[in-house]
Protein backbone atom coordinates (compact mmCIF):
# COMPACT_ATOMS: atom_id res chain seq x y z
CA UNK A 1 -25.37 -1.14 -20.13
CA UNK A 2 -26.81 -0.40 -16.69
CA UNK A 3 -30.25 -1.61 -17.75
CA UNK A 4 -28.78 -4.93 -18.88
CA UNK A 5 -26.84 -5.22 -15.61
CA UNK A 6 -29.99 -4.55 -13.60
CA UNK A 7 -31.99 -7.17 -15.52
CA UNK A 8 -29.29 -9.81 -15.12
CA UNK A 9 -29.03 -9.17 -11.38
CA UNK A 10 -32.80 -9.11 -10.89
CA UNK A 11 -33.08 -12.46 -12.68
CA UNK A 12 -30.12 -13.98 -10.89
CA UNK A 13 -28.39 -14.57 -14.24
CA UNK A 14 -24.75 -14.40 -13.23
CA UNK A 15 -23.42 -15.82 -16.50
CA UNK A 16 -25.30 -13.14 -18.43
CA UNK A 17 -23.94 -10.51 -16.05
CA UNK A 18 -20.44 -11.78 -16.73
CA UNK A 19 -20.96 -11.44 -20.49
CA UNK A 20 -22.06 -7.83 -20.08
CA UNK A 21 -19.06 -6.95 -17.92
CA UNK A 22 -16.21 -8.76 -19.69
CA UNK A 23 -14.13 -6.19 -21.52
CA UNK A 24 -16.23 -3.35 -20.16
CA UNK A 25 -15.31 -0.29 -18.15
CA UNK A 26 -14.36 -0.39 -14.49
CA UNK A 27 -17.30 1.93 -13.79
CA UNK A 28 -19.68 -0.79 -15.01
CA UNK A 29 -18.14 -3.33 -12.65
CA UNK A 30 -18.46 -0.88 -9.75
CA UNK A 31 -22.09 -0.24 -10.63
CA UNK A 32 -22.75 -3.98 -10.79
CA UNK A 33 -21.11 -4.46 -7.40
CA UNK A 34 -23.33 -1.80 -5.83
CA UNK A 35 -26.48 -3.28 -7.31
CA UNK A 36 -25.47 -6.81 -6.34
CA UNK A 37 -24.78 -5.68 -2.79
CA UNK A 38 -28.21 -4.09 -2.56
CA UNK A 39 -29.97 -7.13 -4.04
CA UNK A 40 -28.10 -9.68 -1.93
CA UNK A 41 -28.65 -7.67 1.24
CA UNK A 42 -32.39 -7.58 0.58
CA UNK A 43 -32.58 -11.37 0.65
CA UNK A 44 -29.93 -11.88 3.32
CA UNK A 45 -27.51 -13.59 0.94
CA UNK A 46 -24.64 -11.11 0.80
CA UNK A 47 -21.95 -13.41 2.19
CA UNK A 48 -23.14 -16.36 0.10
CA UNK A 49 -23.26 -14.26 -3.06
CA UNK A 50 -19.74 -13.00 -2.44
CA UNK A 51 -18.50 -16.55 -1.87
CA UNK A 52 -20.03 -17.74 -5.13
CA UNK A 53 -18.57 -14.90 -7.15
CA UNK A 54 -15.14 -15.49 -5.62
CA UNK A 55 -15.08 -18.93 -7.26
CA UNK A 56 -16.32 -17.77 -10.67
CA UNK A 57 -14.22 -18.61 -13.72
CA UNK A 58 -14.45 -15.06 -15.10
CA UNK A 59 -11.98 -12.60 -13.52
CA UNK A 60 -14.50 -9.76 -13.70
CA UNK A 61 -16.85 -11.72 -11.44
CA UNK A 62 -14.07 -12.34 -8.94
CA UNK A 63 -13.44 -8.61 -9.13
CA UNK A 64 -17.07 -8.10 -8.12
CA UNK A 65 -16.52 -10.49 -5.21
CA UNK A 66 -13.56 -8.44 -4.05
CA UNK A 67 -15.62 -5.24 -4.18
CA UNK A 68 -18.53 -6.92 -2.38
CA UNK A 69 -16.29 -7.94 0.50
CA UNK A 70 -16.60 -4.40 1.83
CA UNK A 71 -20.37 -4.81 2.18
CA UNK A 72 -20.19 -8.42 3.36
CA UNK A 73 -17.77 -7.74 6.22
CA UNK A 74 -20.24 -6.70 8.97
CA UNK A 75 -22.23 -9.97 8.69
CA UNK A 76 -19.23 -12.31 8.45
CA UNK A 77 -15.99 -10.53 9.45
CA UNK A 78 -13.63 -13.49 9.66
CA UNK A 79 -14.93 -15.26 6.56
CA UNK A 80 -14.85 -12.03 4.59
CA UNK A 81 -11.26 -11.19 5.52
CA UNK A 82 -10.19 -14.74 4.63
CA UNK A 83 -11.97 -14.44 1.29
CA UNK A 84 -10.42 -11.05 0.65
CA UNK A 85 -6.99 -12.49 1.41
CA UNK A 86 -7.52 -15.17 -1.23
CA UNK A 87 -8.68 -12.62 -3.79
CA UNK A 88 -5.65 -10.45 -3.03
CA UNK A 89 -3.56 -13.33 -4.37
CA UNK A 90 -5.67 -13.89 -7.50
CA UNK A 91 -3.88 -14.49 -10.78
CA UNK A 92 -5.58 -11.49 -12.36
CA UNK A 93 -4.26 -7.99 -11.52
CA UNK A 94 -7.76 -6.44 -11.71
CA UNK A 95 -8.98 -8.80 -9.00
CA UNK A 96 -5.95 -8.14 -6.81
CA UNK A 97 -6.44 -4.39 -7.21
CA UNK A 98 -10.10 -4.64 -6.21
CA UNK A 99 -9.18 -6.75 -3.18
CA UNK A 100 -6.55 -4.21 -2.11
CA UNK A 101 -9.10 -1.43 -2.51
CA UNK A 102 -11.68 -3.21 -0.37
CA UNK A 103 -9.06 -4.04 2.26
CA UNK A 104 -8.16 -0.36 2.41
CA UNK A 105 -11.76 0.77 2.69
CA UNK A 106 -12.39 -1.74 5.45
CA UNK A 107 -9.25 -0.80 7.36
CA UNK A 108 -10.30 2.83 7.08
CA UNK A 109 -13.94 2.39 8.09
CA UNK A 110 -13.68 -0.54 10.52
CA UNK A 111 -10.19 0.08 11.87
CA UNK A 112 -10.26 -1.54 15.35
CA UNK A 113 -11.72 -4.84 14.13
CA UNK A 114 -9.93 -5.04 10.81
CA UNK A 115 -6.39 -4.13 11.90
CA UNK A 116 -6.08 -7.26 14.04
CA UNK A 117 -7.59 -9.44 11.32
CA UNK A 118 -5.21 -8.30 8.58
CA UNK A 119 -2.10 -8.37 10.78
CA UNK A 120 -1.34 -12.01 9.80
CA UNK A 121 -1.13 -10.88 6.16
CA UNK A 122 2.37 -9.59 6.97
CA UNK A 123 3.63 -13.15 7.21
CA UNK A 124 1.69 -14.55 4.25
CA UNK A 125 3.77 -16.54 1.77
CA UNK A 126 2.41 -14.51 -1.15
CA UNK A 127 3.95 -11.13 -1.89
CA UNK A 128 0.60 -10.14 -3.41
CA UNK A 129 -1.09 -10.41 -0.03
CA UNK A 130 1.68 -8.53 1.74
CA UNK A 131 1.45 -5.85 -0.94
CA UNK A 132 -2.33 -5.60 -0.47
CA UNK A 133 -1.76 -4.92 3.23
CA UNK A 134 0.52 -2.00 2.42
CA UNK A 135 -2.00 -0.57 -0.03
CA UNK A 136 -4.61 -0.81 2.71
CA UNK A 137 -2.33 1.00 5.17
CA UNK A 138 -1.94 3.94 2.79
CA UNK A 139 -5.73 4.11 2.42
CA UNK A 140 -6.33 3.97 6.17
CA UNK A 141 -3.78 6.73 6.85
CA UNK A 142 -5.16 9.23 4.37
CA UNK A 143 -7.32 11.16 6.87
CA UNK A 144 -4.55 11.39 9.45
CA UNK A 145 -6.44 10.12 12.49
CA UNK A 146 -3.92 10.45 15.29
CA UNK A 147 -4.97 7.28 17.11
CA UNK A 148 -4.03 5.20 14.07
CA UNK A 149 -0.43 6.35 13.79
CA UNK A 150 1.23 3.93 16.18
CA UNK A 151 -0.88 0.87 15.19
CA UNK A 152 -0.15 1.47 11.49
CA UNK A 153 3.57 1.91 12.09
CA UNK A 154 3.64 -1.29 14.14
CA UNK A 155 1.68 -3.04 11.42
CA UNK A 156 4.22 -2.33 8.70
CA UNK A 157 7.36 -2.66 10.85
CA UNK A 158 7.94 -6.41 10.32
CA UNK A 159 7.80 -5.92 6.54
CA UNK A 160 10.84 -3.64 6.48
CA UNK A 161 13.12 -6.66 5.92
CA UNK A 162 10.99 -7.96 3.02
CA UNK A 163 13.08 -7.93 -0.15
CA UNK A 164 10.37 -8.88 -2.61
CA UNK A 165 10.28 -6.11 -5.27
CA UNK A 166 6.50 -5.82 -5.11
CA UNK A 167 6.57 -5.29 -1.36
CA UNK A 168 9.58 -3.00 -1.13
CA UNK A 169 8.23 -0.63 -3.80
CA UNK A 170 5.02 -0.33 -1.79
CA UNK A 171 6.80 0.13 1.55
CA UNK A 172 9.53 2.76 1.93
CA UNK A 173 8.62 4.95 -1.06
CA UNK A 174 4.85 4.56 -0.54
CA UNK A 175 3.47 3.29 2.80
CA UNK A 176 6.18 4.77 5.03
CA UNK A 177 6.10 7.94 2.93
CA UNK A 178 2.32 8.18 3.40
CA UNK A 179 2.70 7.81 7.15
CA UNK A 180 5.45 10.45 7.11
CA UNK A 181 3.00 12.77 5.38
CA UNK A 182 0.19 12.21 7.87
CA UNK A 183 2.15 11.61 11.07
CA UNK A 184 5.50 13.35 10.56
CA UNK A 185 6.78 13.48 14.15
CA UNK A 186 5.99 9.90 15.13
CA UNK A 187 7.03 8.42 11.79
CA UNK A 188 10.34 10.27 11.94
CA UNK A 189 10.94 8.78 15.39
CA UNK A 190 10.40 5.33 13.92
CA UNK A 191 12.70 6.12 11.00
CA UNK A 192 15.44 7.08 13.47
CA UNK A 193 14.91 3.81 15.30
CA UNK A 194 14.85 1.75 12.10
CA UNK A 195 18.03 3.46 10.90
CA UNK A 196 19.97 1.69 13.68
CA UNK A 197 19.36 -1.66 11.97
CA UNK A 198 22.16 -3.43 10.13
CA UNK A 199 19.74 -5.02 7.66
CA UNK A 200 20.26 -3.41 4.27
CA UNK A 201 16.61 -3.77 3.28
CA UNK A 202 15.49 -1.91 6.40
CA UNK A 203 18.01 0.86 5.67
CA UNK A 204 16.89 0.99 2.03
CA UNK A 205 13.30 1.56 3.17
CA UNK A 206 14.39 4.29 5.58
CA UNK A 207 16.29 6.13 2.86
CA UNK A 208 13.52 5.72 0.29
CA UNK A 209 10.95 7.19 2.67
CA UNK A 210 12.82 10.48 2.26
CA UNK A 211 12.23 10.47 -1.50
CA UNK A 212 8.64 11.54 -0.81
CA UNK A 213 7.29 15.10 -0.98
CA UNK A 214 6.59 14.92 2.77
CA UNK A 215 10.33 14.72 3.44
CA UNK A 216 10.87 18.19 1.98
CA UNK A 217 9.02 19.64 4.98
CA UNK A 218 11.67 18.18 7.27
CA UNK A 219 14.70 18.32 5.00
CA UNK A 220 17.16 19.34 7.73
CA UNK A 221 16.02 16.50 9.98
CA UNK A 222 16.09 14.07 7.06
CA UNK A 223 19.74 14.96 6.47
CA UNK A 224 20.58 13.77 9.98
CA UNK A 225 19.48 10.27 9.00
CA UNK A 226 20.81 10.37 5.45
CA UNK A 227 24.28 11.51 6.58
CA UNK A 228 24.54 8.38 8.68
CA UNK A 229 23.23 6.06 5.96
CA UNK A 230 25.52 7.62 3.36
CA UNK A 231 28.46 6.02 5.17
CA UNK A 232 27.13 2.53 4.55
CA UNK A 233 29.46 0.78 2.14
CA UNK A 234 26.77 -1.40 0.63
CA UNK A 235 25.76 -0.09 -2.79
CA UNK A 236 22.13 -1.07 -2.23
CA UNK A 237 21.94 1.30 0.73
CA UNK A 238 23.97 4.25 -0.51
CA UNK A 239 22.21 4.28 -3.86
CA UNK A 240 18.92 4.68 -1.97
CA UNK A 241 20.51 7.57 -0.06
CA UNK A 242 21.54 9.14 -3.37
CA UNK A 243 17.96 8.81 -4.65
CA UNK A 244 16.66 10.52 -1.53
CA UNK A 245 19.21 13.31 -1.83
CA UNK A 246 18.39 14.15 -5.43
CA UNK A 247 14.65 14.06 -4.74
CA UNK A 248 15.13 16.30 -1.71
CA UNK A 249 17.53 18.43 -3.69
CA UNK A 250 14.94 19.19 -6.34
CA UNK A 251 12.48 20.36 -3.70
CA UNK A 252 14.88 21.99 -1.24
CA UNK A 253 18.05 22.88 -3.19
CA UNK A 254 19.05 25.58 -0.71
CA UNK A 255 19.48 22.90 1.96
CA UNK A 256 20.64 19.88 -0.01
CA UNK A 257 23.10 21.34 -2.52
CA UNK A 258 25.48 22.74 0.15
CA UNK A 259 25.33 19.36 1.89
CA UNK A 260 26.23 17.53 -1.30
CA UNK A 261 29.07 19.99 -1.93
CA UNK A 262 30.54 18.98 1.42
CA UNK A 263 30.07 15.31 0.60
CA UNK A 264 32.07 15.79 -2.61
CA UNK A 265 35.05 16.65 -0.40
CA UNK A 266 34.49 13.58 1.79
CA UNK A 267 36.16 10.40 0.55
CA UNK A 268 33.54 8.26 2.31
CA UNK A 269 30.58 10.07 0.73
CA UNK A 270 31.85 11.26 -2.61
CA UNK A 271 30.23 8.45 -4.61
CA UNK A 272 26.86 9.16 -3.04
CA UNK A 273 27.17 12.86 -3.82
CA UNK A 274 28.16 12.24 -7.43
CA UNK A 275 25.23 9.85 -7.92
CA UNK A 276 22.78 12.38 -6.48
CA UNK A 277 24.17 15.32 -8.43
CA UNK A 278 23.79 13.41 -11.68
CA UNK A 279 20.06 14.12 -11.50
CA UNK A 280 20.16 17.63 -10.03
C-alpha cells in the first residue's frame, strides 16, 4: 500500500491516491499525510495542497487536508486556522476527528499564537467547531505546563452555558476534568467560582467535573461543592451531583458513603443520596 501511495504522490495523481485510501486503514491516511507534507514542502506548495484537498469530494482526502493543517500552519497561520475550522464542521466524522486532532497538536505546539486564533471558535454557530475546541484544550493540557492553566480555563469558561449535547459531554466530564487533573488547585478555584452561578448548565458542568478520576484526589474538597449543589431543586443539576457522588463513592467509599448516609436523613438531599446509592 505504501508503495502505491508514494507513486501516486510523486506523480501528483490525487484521484489515484484517493482510490488507494478509500476504505483503508487510518494508518495509511496518516502515512499519506506525512508523505504529502514532505512533497508539498519541497516545492513550496504546502498551503495550496492543503487547500485543494480540503475541497476534494472524497472524505478521506479532506481528512488528509485536516492532518496537513498542522504542517501548513507556520507558513499561513490565519488561513490554516480558518481552513481547519471549516474541516472541523465537515459532514464526515473522520474529517472532523482529524481536524480536532490537528487543532490539538497546534494548540499544544504553538500555544501563544494558536490560542488567540481559536478563541473565536467558542462562539461559532456549529457545535462541531465548539466541540473541536474542547478536544484541542484537552490535548494542550496533557503535559501540565503551568503557564497554560489560566489561559485554558479562560478559554473554556464561556462554553459552560452551552447546552448542546456534543459540547456539554466534552466540557464538564472531559475538558474541565482534564484541567482538574493537570492543574488541580487553580481549576478547583474556578469550579468554586462557577458554582455560584444560577445557570443550570454551568452547575451541571461543575458537578460533572467531579465524576473524573482526578476528583478522587480531592474528594473532601469536592464534597464542599457538591453539598451546595445537592440543594438545587432542579433535577438536571441534582442528577449530575448524584452521578458525581457515585463515581466518587466507588473510588473513595470511606469518604463518600458516610456523607451519603447523612444525606439520607436530610429531606432536602434524600433524593440525591438515593440516586447515588443506586449505583454503589
